[in-house]
Amino acid sequence: MPTTGSSESRETPSLLRRDRDKSAGEEKKEPTKPVLEDRSTPFTPEQVSATWEAFKASRISNGATDTEKLVLDRKLEKSGDTTIKIWLESQLETSILDKFEGDLIRYFKKELDNTFIKLEREVSEQESSRNLYTSREKYEYMAKLNPALKEMKERLGLDFEY
């Protein structure tokens, strides 16, 4: 094996050992900061609204899909000290939010300077309204709204079908 003229053997430096040349007196211990500091700056509902608008504008300018725009149009509000609630209308919107929820939370944590922010979803399923076509369906719907209609029909012996 060829040598480079030095008779000393060389070691691969260890990342775990401190440099041997430093004496104990030279070493100064600096206070170490955690890589990710916990910050809990309080924020207001107005700040949440402004941050939400900024996030929406950023997302749309970066080419948000039409389905993302559907979720970006939803209402968002502060709920508790560190919780932000978003109001969705269906499970479909929940799955759309899943795609960019991480970006949304990171954005809020950075902009509001609070690492404890959580996103809560409130899904309010819309009742599907059924169109009333036949006379019977119309009568049953109206009788449900006003039970006196059923009593009046029976008293007068009326028949809604011809």
C-alpha atoms as a PDB file:
ATOM      1  CA  MET A   1       0.000   0.000   0.000  1.00  0.00           C
ATOM      2  CA  PRO A   2       1.463   3.381  -0.916  1.00  0.00           C
ATOM      3  CA  THR A   3       2.005   5.888   1.847  1.00  0.00           C
ATOM      4  CA  THR A   4       2.082   9.649   1.580  1.00  0.00           C
ATOM      5  CA  GLY A   5       5.361  10.210   3.370  1.00  0.00           C
ATOM      6  CA  SER A   6       3.853  10.494   6.816  1.00  0.00           C
ATOM      7  CA  SER A   7       4.509   7.636   9.170  1.00  0.00           C
ATOM      8  CA  GLU A   8       1.558   8.515  11.395  1.00  0.00           C
ATOM      9  CA  SER A   9      -1.637   6.559  10.910  1.00  0.00           C
ATOM     10  CA  ARG A  10      -4.692   8.639  10.136  1.00  0.00           C
ATOM     11  CA  GLU A  11      -8.061   8.017  11.675  1.00  0.00           C
ATOM     12  CA  THR A  12     -11.409   8.800  10.212  1.00  0.00           C
ATOM     13  CA  PRO A  13     -12.836  11.645  12.290  1.00  0.00           C
ATOM     14  CA  SER A  14     -15.703  10.674  14.505  1.00  0.00           C
ATOM     15  CA  LEU A  15     -18.820  12.760  14.639  1.00  0.00           C
ATOM     16  CA  LEU A  16     -19.452  11.615  18.173  1.00  0.00           C
ATOM     17  CA  ARG A  17     -16.032  12.514  19.628  1.00  0.00           C
ATOM     18  CA  ARG A  18     -14.860  16.024  20.253  1.00  0.00           C
ATOM     19  CA  ASP A  19     -11.670  17.143  18.606  1.00  0.00           C
ATOM     20  CA  ARG A  20      -8.703  15.880  20.655  1.00  0.00           C
ATOM     21  CA  ASP A  21      -6.719  19.053  20.092  1.00  0.00           C
ATOM     22  CA  LYS A  22      -9.150  21.196  22.066  1.00  0.00           C
ATOM     23  CA  SER A  23      -8.349  21.422  25.698  1.00  0.00           C
ATOM     24  CA  ALA A  24     -11.054  21.321  28.326  1.00  0.00           C
ATOM     25  CA  GLY A  25     -10.482  24.987  29.167  1.00  0.00           C
ATOM     26  CA  GLU A  26     -11.075  26.157  25.608  1.00  0.00           C
ATOM     27  CA  GLU A  27     -14.493  24.554  25.267  1.00  0.00           C
ATOM     28  CA  LYS A  28     -17.367  26.894  25.924  1.00  0.00           C
ATOM     29  CA  LYS A  29     -20.820  25.542  26.213  1.00  0.00           C
ATOM     30  CA  GLU A  30     -23.352  27.724  24.483  1.00  0.00           C
ATOM     31  CA  PRO A  31     -26.969  27.321  25.374  1.00  0.00           C
ATOM     32  CA  THR A  32     -28.584  25.181  22.738  1.00  0.00           C
ATOM     33  CA  LYS A  33     -31.910  26.184  21.280  1.00  0.00           C
ATOM     34  CA  PRO A  34     -34.330  23.525  20.227  1.00  0.00           C
ATOM     35  CA  VAL A  35     -34.668  23.262  16.471  1.00  0.00           C
ATOM     36  CA  LEU A  36     -38.422  23.731  16.681  1.00  0.00           C
ATOM     37  CA  GLU A  37     -39.371  26.076  19.455  1.00  0.00           C
ATOM     38  CA  ASP A  38     -42.860  25.977  20.854  1.00  0.00           C
ATOM     39  CA  ARG A  39     -44.479  29.359  20.370  1.00  0.00           C
ATOM     40  CA  SER A  40     -47.863  30.255  21.736  1.00  0.00           C
ATOM     41  CA  THR A  41     -48.513  33.794  20.610  1.00  0.00           C
ATOM     42  CA  PRO A  42     -52.204  34.597  21.166  1.00  0.00           C
ATOM     43  CA  PHE A  43     -54.232  35.528  18.106  1.00  0.00           C
ATOM     44  CA  THR A  44     -57.595  37.132  17.433  1.00  0.00           C
ATOM     45  CA  PRO A  45     -60.518  36.051  15.232  1.00  0.00           C
ATOM     46  CA  GLU A  46     -59.694  38.976  12.927  1.00  0.00           C
ATOM     47  CA  GLN A  47     -56.157  37.640  12.475  1.00  0.00           C
ATOM     48  CA  VAL A  48     -57.593  34.211  11.659  1.00  0.00           C
ATOM     49  CA  SER A  49     -59.861  35.736   9.006  1.00  0.00           C
ATOM     50  CA  ALA A  50     -57.023  37.769   7.490  1.00  0.00           C
ATOM     51  CA  THR A  51     -54.701  34.756   7.448  1.00  0.00           C
ATOM     52  CA  TRP A  52     -57.426  32.604   5.861  1.00  0.00           C
ATOM     53  CA  GLU A  53     -57.941  35.214   3.111  1.00  0.00           C
ATOM     54  CA  ALA A  54     -54.184  35.382   2.501  1.00  0.00           C
ATOM     55  CA  PHE A  55     -53.955  31.581   2.319  1.00  0.00           C
ATOM     56  CA  LYS A  56     -56.870  31.452  -0.143  1.00  0.00           C
ATOM     57  CA  ALA A  57     -55.286  34.120  -2.349  1.00  0.00           C
ATOM     58  CA  SER A  58     -51.942  32.322  -2.265  1.00  0.00           C
ATOM     59  CA  ARG A  59     -53.521  28.967  -3.094  1.00  0.00           C
ATOM     60  CA  ILE A  60     -55.593  30.377  -5.956  1.00  0.00           C
ATOM     61  CA  SER A  61     -52.637  32.261  -7.444  1.00  0.00           C
ATOM     62  CA  ASN A  62     -50.609  29.027  -7.364  1.00  0.00           C
ATOM     63  CA  GLY A  63     -53.267  27.267  -9.441  1.00  0.00           C
ATOM     64  CA  ALA A  64     -55.761  25.749  -7.032  1.00  0.00           C
ATOM     65  CA  THR A  65     -58.134  23.274  -8.628  1.00  0.00           C
ATOM     66  CA  ASP A  66     -61.860  23.920  -8.789  1.00  0.00           C
ATOM     67  CA  THR A  67     -62.439  21.365  -6.046  1.00  0.00           C
ATOM     68  CA  GLU A  68     -59.938  23.129  -3.780  1.00  0.00           C
ATOM     69  CA  LYS A  69     -61.674  26.436  -4.478  1.00  0.00           C
ATOM     70  CA  LEU A  70     -64.885  24.832  -3.228  1.00  0.00           C
ATOM     71  CA  VAL A  71     -63.290  24.242   0.189  1.00  0.00           C
ATOM     72  CA  LEU A  72     -61.465  27.589   0.159  1.00  0.00           C
ATOM     73  CA  ASP A  73     -64.850  29.338  -0.012  1.00  0.00           C
ATOM     74  CA  ARG A  74     -65.977  27.828   3.295  1.00  0.00           C
ATOM     75  CA  LYS A  75     -66.284  29.677   6.583  1.00  0.00           C
ATOM     76  CA  LEU A  76     -63.389  29.500   9.028  1.00  0.00           C
ATOM     77  CA  GLU A  77     -63.372  30.850  12.586  1.00  0.00           C
ATOM     78  CA  LYS A  78     -61.432  30.766  15.829  1.00  0.00           C
ATOM     79  CA  SER A  79     -62.788  28.256  18.318  1.00  0.00           C
ATOM     80  CA  GLY A  80     -60.960  28.268  21.647  1.00  0.00           C
ATOM     81  CA  ASP A  81     -57.426  29.475  22.323  1.00  0.00           C
ATOM     82  CA  THR A  82     -55.575  27.503  19.656  1.00  0.00           C
ATOM     83  CA  THR A  83     -58.310  25.781  17.663  1.00  0.00           C
ATOM     84  CA  ILE A  84     -59.536  26.940  14.278  1.00  0.00           C
ATOM     85  CA  LYS A  85     -62.801  25.487  13.006  1.00  0.00           C
ATOM     86  CA  ILE A  86     -63.697  25.112   9.342  1.00  0.00           C
ATOM     87  CA  TRP A  87     -67.312  24.568   8.320  1.00  0.00           C
ATOM     88  CA  LEU A  88     -67.733  22.030   5.513  1.00  0.00           C
ATOM     89  CA  GLU A  89     -70.906  20.925   3.784  1.00  0.00           C
ATOM     90  CA  SER A  90     -70.141  17.288   2.941  1.00  0.00           C
ATOM     91  CA  GLN A  91     -67.766  14.381   3.365  1.00  0.00           C
ATOM     92  CA  LEU A  92     -66.535  15.103  -0.153  1.00  0.00           C
ATOM     93  CA  GLU A  93     -65.222  18.467   1.022  1.00  0.00           C
ATOM     94  CA  THR A  94     -63.504  16.697   3.921  1.00  0.00           C
ATOM     95  CA  SER A  95     -61.575  14.487   1.507  1.00  0.00           C
ATOM     96  CA  ILE A  96     -60.645  17.546  -0.585  1.00  0.00           C
ATOM     97  CA  LEU A  97     -59.373  19.326   2.552  1.00  0.00           C
ATOM     98  CA  ASP A  98     -57.244  16.276   3.406  1.00  0.00           C
ATOM     99  CA  LYS A  99     -55.112  17.001   0.342  1.00  0.00           C
ATOM    100  CA  PHE A 100     -53.903  20.409   1.535  1.00  0.00           C
ATOM    101  CA  GLU A 101     -54.629  20.374   5.276  1.00  0.00           C
ATOM    102  CA  GLY A 102     -50.935  20.073   6.155  1.00  0.00           C
ATOM    103  CA  ASP A 103     -50.097  23.168   4.107  1.00  0.00           C
ATOM    104  CA  LEU A 104     -52.989  25.040   5.716  1.00  0.00           C
ATOM    105  CA  ILE A 105     -51.917  24.208   9.282  1.00  0.00           C
ATOM    106  CA  ARG A 106     -48.254  25.043   8.572  1.00  0.00           C
ATOM    107  CA  TYR A 107     -49.311  28.371   7.067  1.00  0.00           C
ATOM    108  CA  PHE A 108     -51.438  29.273  10.088  1.00  0.00           C
ATOM    109  CA  LYS A 109     -48.718  28.224  12.540  1.00  0.00           C
ATOM    110  CA  LYS A 110     -46.152  30.352  10.727  1.00  0.00           C
ATOM    111  CA  GLU A 111     -48.301  33.429  10.125  1.00  0.00           C
ATOM    112  CA  LEU A 112     -49.896  33.509  13.581  1.00  0.00           C
ATOM    113  CA  ASP A 113     -46.629  32.485  15.305  1.00  0.00           C
ATOM    114  CA  ASN A 114     -48.294  29.714  17.297  1.00  0.00           C
ATOM    115  CA  THR A 115     -47.173  26.076  17.086  1.00  0.00           C
ATOM    116  CA  PHE A 116     -50.163  24.773  19.029  1.00  0.00           C
ATOM    117  CA  ILE A 117     -52.785  25.575  16.367  1.00  0.00           C
ATOM    118  CA  LYS A 118     -55.171  22.741  15.542  1.00  0.00           C
ATOM    119  CA  LEU A 119     -57.746  22.524  12.767  1.00  0.00           C
ATOM    120  CA  GLU A 120     -61.195  21.201  13.625  1.00  0.00           C
ATOM    121  CA  ARG A 121     -63.756  20.256  11.001  1.00  0.00           C
ATOM    122  CA  GLU A 122     -67.483  20.754  11.328  1.00  0.00           C
ATOM    123  CA  VAL A 123     -69.454  18.903   8.654  1.00  0.00           C
ATOM    124  CA  SER A 124     -73.080  19.883   8.270  1.00  0.00           C
ATOM    125  CA  GLU A 125     -74.729  17.482   5.885  1.00  0.00           C
ATOM    126  CA  GLN A 126     -77.291  19.204   3.720  1.00  0.00           C
ATOM    127  CA  GLU A 127     -80.648  17.504   3.634  1.00  0.00           C
ATOM    128  CA  SER A 128     -81.476  16.527   0.133  1.00  0.00           C
ATOM    129  CA  SER A 129     -84.809  18.010  -0.763  1.00  0.00           C
ATOM    130  CA  ARG A 130     -87.017  15.709  -2.718  1.00  0.00           C
ATOM    131  CA  ASN A 131     -89.265  17.180  -5.363  1.00  0.00           C
ATOM    132  CA  LEU A 132     -92.934  16.560  -4.800  1.00  0.00           C
ATOM    133  CA  TYR A 133     -94.619  15.343  -7.953  1.00  0.00           C
ATOM    134  CA  THR A 134     -97.858  13.547  -7.146  1.00  0.00           C
ATOM    135  CA  SER A 135    -100.868  14.885  -5.288  1.00  0.00           C
ATOM    136  CA  ARG A 136    -100.312  12.311  -2.525  1.00  0.00           C
ATOM    137  CA  GLU A 137     -96.688  13.432  -1.982  1.00  0.00           C
ATOM    138  CA  LYS A 138     -97.772  17.068  -1.820  1.00  0.00           C
ATOM    139  CA  TYR A 139    -100.565  16.269   0.641  1.00  0.00           C
ATOM    140  CA  GLU A 140     -98.289  14.170   2.906  1.00  0.00           C
ATOM    141  CA  TYR A 141     -95.677  16.938   2.951  1.00  0.00           C
ATOM    142  CA  MET A 142     -98.246  19.610   3.810  1.00  0.00           C
ATOM    143  CA  ALA A 143     -99.901  17.357   6.422  1.00  0.00           C
ATOM    144  CA  LYS A 144     -96.499  16.885   8.065  1.00  0.00           C
ATOM    145  CA  LEU A 145     -96.135  20.667   8.315  1.00  0.00           C
ATOM    146  CA  ASN A 146     -99.713  21.208   9.510  1.00  0.00           C
ATOM    147  CA  PRO A 147    -101.419  18.188  11.146  1.00  0.00           C
ATOM    148  CA  ALA A 148    -104.792  20.015  11.113  1.00  0.00           C
ATOM    149  CA  LEU A 149    -104.884  19.458   7.353  1.00  0.00           C
ATOM    150  CA  LYS A 150    -105.162  15.701   7.877  1.00  0.00           C
ATOM    151  CA  GLU A 151    -108.010  16.159  10.337  1.00  0.00           C
ATOM    152  CA  MET A 152    -109.835  18.505   7.946  1.00  0.00           C
ATOM    153  CA  LYS A 153    -109.477  16.023   5.066  1.00  0.00           C
ATOM    154  CA  GLU A 154    -110.978  13.225   7.179  1.00  0.00           C
ATOM    155  CA  ARG A 155    -113.852  15.377   8.498  1.00  0.00           C
ATOM    156  CA  LEU A 156    -114.862  16.617   5.069  1.00  0.00           C
ATOM    157  CA  GLY A 157    -114.315  13.226   3.431  1.00  0.00           C
ATOM    158  CA  LEU A 158    -112.057  14.717   0.790  1.00  0.00           C
ATOM    159  CA  ASP A 159    -109.977  12.709  -1.600  1.00  0.00           C
ATOM    160  CA  PHE A 160    -106.951  14.353  -3.195  1.00  0.00           C
ATOM    161  CA  GLU A 161    -106.822  11.856  -6.056  1.00  0.00           C
ATOM    162  CA  TYR A 162    -109.352  12.099  -8.891  1.00  0.00           C
END
